[in-house]
N, C-alpha and C. Protein backbone atom coordinates (compact mmCIF):
# COMPACT_ATOMS: atom_id res chain seq x y z
N MET A 1 -5.28 12.98 21.92
CA MET A 1 -5.30 11.59 21.55
C MET A 1 -4.53 11.40 20.24
N ALA A 2 -3.71 10.39 20.19
CA ALA A 2 -2.89 10.13 19.01
C ALA A 2 -3.74 9.57 17.87
N ALA A 3 -3.34 9.91 16.66
CA ALA A 3 -4.03 9.38 15.49
C ALA A 3 -3.82 7.87 15.42
N PRO A 4 -4.81 7.13 14.92
CA PRO A 4 -4.65 5.68 14.82
C PRO A 4 -3.52 5.33 13.86
N SER A 5 -2.93 4.18 14.11
CA SER A 5 -1.85 3.68 13.26
C SER A 5 -2.10 2.19 13.04
N ILE A 6 -2.07 1.78 11.79
CA ILE A 6 -2.26 0.37 11.46
C ILE A 6 -1.17 -0.07 10.49
N ARG A 7 -1.07 -1.35 10.30
CA ARG A 7 -0.13 -1.90 9.33
C ARG A 7 -0.89 -2.72 8.31
N LEU A 8 -0.60 -2.44 7.04
CA LEU A 8 -1.23 -3.13 5.94
C LEU A 8 -0.28 -4.18 5.38
N ASN A 9 -0.74 -5.41 5.24
CA ASN A 9 0.03 -6.45 4.57
C ASN A 9 -0.31 -6.37 3.09
N LEU A 10 0.71 -6.29 2.26
CA LEU A 10 0.51 -6.12 0.82
C LEU A 10 1.29 -7.15 0.03
N ARG A 11 0.71 -7.60 -1.06
CA ARG A 11 1.40 -8.43 -2.06
C ARG A 11 1.45 -7.58 -3.31
N VAL A 12 2.64 -7.13 -3.69
CA VAL A 12 2.81 -6.16 -4.76
C VAL A 12 3.32 -6.85 -6.02
N VAL A 13 2.68 -6.54 -7.14
CA VAL A 13 3.09 -7.06 -8.44
C VAL A 13 3.61 -5.87 -9.25
N PRO A 14 4.93 -5.75 -9.39
CA PRO A 14 5.49 -4.65 -10.17
C PRO A 14 5.43 -4.94 -11.67
N GLY A 15 5.58 -3.90 -12.47
CA GLY A 15 5.62 -4.06 -13.92
C GLY A 15 4.27 -4.40 -14.53
N ALA A 16 3.18 -4.10 -13.84
CA ALA A 16 1.84 -4.40 -14.33
C ALA A 16 1.42 -3.36 -15.37
N GLY A 17 0.32 -3.63 -16.03
CA GLY A 17 -0.19 -2.71 -17.05
C GLY A 17 -0.70 -1.40 -16.48
N ARG A 18 -1.15 -1.43 -15.23
CA ARG A 18 -1.65 -0.20 -14.60
C ARG A 18 -1.56 -0.33 -13.08
N ASN A 19 -1.69 0.79 -12.41
CA ASN A 19 -1.67 0.82 -10.94
C ASN A 19 -3.08 0.57 -10.44
N GLU A 20 -3.25 -0.45 -9.57
CA GLU A 20 -4.57 -0.73 -9.04
C GLU A 20 -4.51 -1.60 -7.80
N ILE A 21 -5.51 -1.44 -6.96
CA ILE A 21 -5.73 -2.33 -5.82
C ILE A 21 -6.60 -3.45 -6.37
N VAL A 22 -6.10 -4.68 -6.38
CA VAL A 22 -6.84 -5.79 -6.97
C VAL A 22 -7.88 -6.32 -6.00
N GLY A 23 -7.53 -6.44 -4.74
CA GLY A 23 -8.43 -6.97 -3.73
C GLY A 23 -7.65 -7.78 -2.71
N ARG A 24 -8.36 -8.61 -1.98
CA ARG A 24 -7.71 -9.41 -0.93
C ARG A 24 -6.92 -10.55 -1.56
N HIS A 25 -5.80 -10.89 -0.91
CA HIS A 25 -4.94 -12.00 -1.31
C HIS A 25 -4.53 -12.68 -0.01
N GLY A 26 -5.33 -13.62 0.46
CA GLY A 26 -5.10 -14.21 1.77
C GLY A 26 -5.32 -13.15 2.83
N ASN A 27 -4.32 -12.95 3.69
CA ASN A 27 -4.44 -11.91 4.72
C ASN A 27 -3.85 -10.58 4.28
N ALA A 28 -3.53 -10.46 3.01
CA ALA A 28 -2.91 -9.24 2.47
C ALA A 28 -3.81 -8.64 1.38
N TRP A 29 -3.44 -7.45 0.97
CA TRP A 29 -4.07 -6.81 -0.17
C TRP A 29 -3.16 -7.00 -1.37
N LYS A 30 -3.72 -7.38 -2.51
CA LYS A 30 -2.93 -7.52 -3.73
C LYS A 30 -2.99 -6.19 -4.47
N VAL A 31 -1.80 -5.70 -4.83
CA VAL A 31 -1.67 -4.40 -5.48
C VAL A 31 -0.79 -4.55 -6.71
N ARG A 32 -1.21 -3.96 -7.81
CA ARG A 32 -0.40 -3.94 -9.03
C ARG A 32 0.10 -2.52 -9.26
N VAL A 33 1.38 -2.43 -9.60
CA VAL A 33 1.95 -1.12 -9.97
C VAL A 33 2.67 -1.26 -11.29
N GLY A 34 2.61 -0.22 -12.10
CA GLY A 34 3.21 -0.25 -13.42
C GLY A 34 4.72 -0.08 -13.41
N ALA A 35 5.26 0.48 -12.36
CA ALA A 35 6.70 0.74 -12.29
C ALA A 35 7.48 -0.55 -12.11
N ALA A 36 8.68 -0.54 -12.66
CA ALA A 36 9.59 -1.68 -12.52
C ALA A 36 10.22 -1.65 -11.12
N PRO A 37 10.61 -2.82 -10.62
CA PRO A 37 11.23 -2.87 -9.28
C PRO A 37 12.71 -2.51 -9.33
N GLU A 38 12.99 -1.33 -9.83
CA GLU A 38 14.37 -0.85 -9.95
C GLU A 38 14.51 0.48 -9.23
N ARG A 39 15.54 0.60 -8.41
CA ARG A 39 15.86 1.85 -7.72
C ARG A 39 14.67 2.42 -6.95
N GLY A 40 13.84 1.54 -6.39
CA GLY A 40 12.74 1.98 -5.56
C GLY A 40 11.54 2.53 -6.30
N ARG A 41 11.52 2.41 -7.61
CA ARG A 41 10.41 2.98 -8.40
C ARG A 41 9.07 2.32 -8.06
N ALA A 42 9.06 0.99 -7.93
CA ALA A 42 7.81 0.30 -7.60
C ALA A 42 7.32 0.70 -6.21
N ASN A 43 8.24 0.87 -5.27
CA ASN A 43 7.85 1.30 -3.92
C ASN A 43 7.23 2.70 -3.94
N THR A 44 7.83 3.59 -4.71
CA THR A 44 7.30 4.95 -4.83
C THR A 44 5.91 4.92 -5.46
N ALA A 45 5.75 4.13 -6.52
CA ALA A 45 4.44 4.01 -7.17
C ALA A 45 3.41 3.43 -6.22
N LEU A 46 3.82 2.45 -5.42
CA LEU A 46 2.92 1.84 -4.43
C LEU A 46 2.44 2.88 -3.43
N LEU A 47 3.36 3.65 -2.86
CA LEU A 47 2.98 4.64 -1.85
C LEU A 47 2.08 5.72 -2.45
N ARG A 48 2.35 6.13 -3.68
CA ARG A 48 1.49 7.14 -4.33
C ARG A 48 0.09 6.59 -4.56
N LEU A 49 -0.01 5.33 -5.00
CA LEU A 49 -1.31 4.70 -5.21
C LEU A 49 -2.09 4.61 -3.89
N LEU A 50 -1.42 4.14 -2.84
CA LEU A 50 -2.08 4.03 -1.54
C LEU A 50 -2.51 5.40 -1.03
N SER A 51 -1.69 6.39 -1.20
CA SER A 51 -2.03 7.75 -0.77
C SER A 51 -3.30 8.22 -1.46
N ARG A 52 -3.38 8.01 -2.75
CA ARG A 52 -4.55 8.44 -3.52
C ARG A 52 -5.80 7.64 -3.11
N GLU A 53 -5.68 6.32 -3.05
CA GLU A 53 -6.84 5.47 -2.76
C GLU A 53 -7.34 5.65 -1.32
N LEU A 54 -6.44 5.88 -0.40
CA LEU A 54 -6.81 6.01 1.01
C LEU A 54 -7.15 7.45 1.40
N GLY A 55 -6.79 8.41 0.55
CA GLY A 55 -7.06 9.81 0.85
C GLY A 55 -6.20 10.36 1.97
N VAL A 56 -4.95 9.91 2.03
CA VAL A 56 -4.01 10.40 3.04
C VAL A 56 -2.77 10.94 2.32
N SER A 57 -2.00 11.74 3.03
CA SER A 57 -0.77 12.27 2.43
C SER A 57 0.32 11.20 2.43
N LEU A 58 1.29 11.36 1.56
CA LEU A 58 2.41 10.42 1.49
C LEU A 58 3.14 10.31 2.81
N SER A 59 3.17 11.39 3.57
CA SER A 59 3.89 11.37 4.84
C SER A 59 3.22 10.46 5.88
N GLU A 60 1.99 10.05 5.64
CA GLU A 60 1.28 9.16 6.55
C GLU A 60 1.57 7.68 6.27
N LEU A 61 2.34 7.39 5.22
CA LEU A 61 2.63 6.02 4.80
C LEU A 61 4.12 5.73 4.90
N THR A 62 4.48 4.57 5.44
CA THR A 62 5.87 4.17 5.55
C THR A 62 5.99 2.67 5.30
N ILE A 63 6.88 2.29 4.40
CA ILE A 63 7.16 0.87 4.21
C ILE A 63 8.06 0.43 5.36
N VAL A 64 7.59 -0.50 6.17
CA VAL A 64 8.36 -0.93 7.33
C VAL A 64 9.01 -2.30 7.12
N SER A 65 8.57 -3.03 6.11
CA SER A 65 9.14 -4.35 5.84
C SER A 65 8.92 -4.70 4.38
N GLY A 66 9.91 -5.38 3.78
CA GLY A 66 9.77 -5.85 2.41
C GLY A 66 10.18 -4.87 1.34
N HIS A 67 11.12 -4.00 1.64
CA HIS A 67 11.55 -2.99 0.67
C HIS A 67 11.95 -3.58 -0.68
N THR A 68 12.55 -4.76 -0.69
CA THR A 68 13.04 -5.34 -1.93
C THR A 68 12.26 -6.58 -2.37
N GLY A 69 11.19 -6.89 -1.68
CA GLY A 69 10.39 -8.07 -2.03
C GLY A 69 8.99 -7.71 -2.44
N ARG A 70 8.22 -8.70 -2.83
CA ARG A 70 6.83 -8.48 -3.22
C ARG A 70 5.90 -8.37 -2.02
N ASP A 71 6.24 -9.04 -0.93
CA ASP A 71 5.42 -8.98 0.27
C ASP A 71 5.93 -7.84 1.14
N LYS A 72 5.05 -6.87 1.38
CA LYS A 72 5.44 -5.67 2.12
C LYS A 72 4.48 -5.41 3.27
N ILE A 73 4.97 -4.70 4.24
CA ILE A 73 4.13 -4.18 5.32
C ILE A 73 4.29 -2.67 5.30
N VAL A 74 3.16 -1.98 5.20
CA VAL A 74 3.15 -0.52 5.16
C VAL A 74 2.40 -0.02 6.38
N GLU A 75 3.05 0.88 7.12
CA GLU A 75 2.39 1.51 8.26
C GLU A 75 1.59 2.70 7.75
N LEU A 76 0.36 2.80 8.22
CA LEU A 76 -0.55 3.86 7.83
C LEU A 76 -1.00 4.60 9.09
N ARG A 77 -0.78 5.90 9.11
CA ARG A 77 -1.21 6.72 10.23
C ARG A 77 -2.42 7.56 9.81
N GLY A 78 -3.36 7.71 10.72
CA GLY A 78 -4.48 8.60 10.48
C GLY A 78 -5.79 7.93 10.11
N LEU A 79 -5.79 6.61 9.90
CA LEU A 79 -7.02 5.89 9.59
C LEU A 79 -7.13 4.65 10.45
N SER A 80 -8.35 4.27 10.75
CA SER A 80 -8.56 3.00 11.45
C SER A 80 -8.51 1.86 10.44
N ALA A 81 -8.40 0.65 10.93
CA ALA A 81 -8.37 -0.53 10.06
C ALA A 81 -9.66 -0.63 9.25
N ALA A 82 -10.79 -0.34 9.88
CA ALA A 82 -12.08 -0.41 9.18
C ALA A 82 -12.17 0.63 8.07
N ASP A 83 -11.71 1.87 8.34
CA ASP A 83 -11.74 2.91 7.32
C ASP A 83 -10.83 2.56 6.15
N ALA A 84 -9.64 2.04 6.46
CA ALA A 84 -8.69 1.67 5.41
C ALA A 84 -9.27 0.55 4.54
N ALA A 85 -9.86 -0.46 5.16
CA ALA A 85 -10.44 -1.58 4.40
C ALA A 85 -11.57 -1.08 3.50
N GLU A 86 -12.39 -0.20 4.02
CA GLU A 86 -13.49 0.35 3.21
C GLU A 86 -12.97 1.11 2.00
N ARG A 87 -11.95 1.93 2.20
CA ARG A 87 -11.39 2.74 1.11
C ARG A 87 -10.62 1.89 0.11
N LEU A 88 -10.09 0.75 0.55
CA LEU A 88 -9.37 -0.13 -0.38
C LEU A 88 -10.32 -1.06 -1.14
N GLY A 89 -11.57 -1.04 -0.75
CA GLY A 89 -12.54 -1.80 -1.51
C GLY A 89 -13.03 -3.07 -0.88
N GLY A 90 -12.93 -3.17 0.41
CA GLY A 90 -13.47 -4.39 0.95
C GLY A 90 -13.28 -4.59 2.37
């Protein structure tokens, strides 16, 4: 049986004071990252934060939409939607 795969809608705020999952923002999760949105640094910081908070490896996360914008969709393999929501805090 294949591992579950879900997509997370995210609203990312780059250049924040610290990396954190803020909570729900409409139908998305609001996430702050300290890295600037230059040369993919904010995207890298986002994936590292999600990896740590969700307890999955970086290879299980892929940005599928919104590489250069604040609204992103990240594919997550290996967790159900319920498990991901619980680990993200809500």
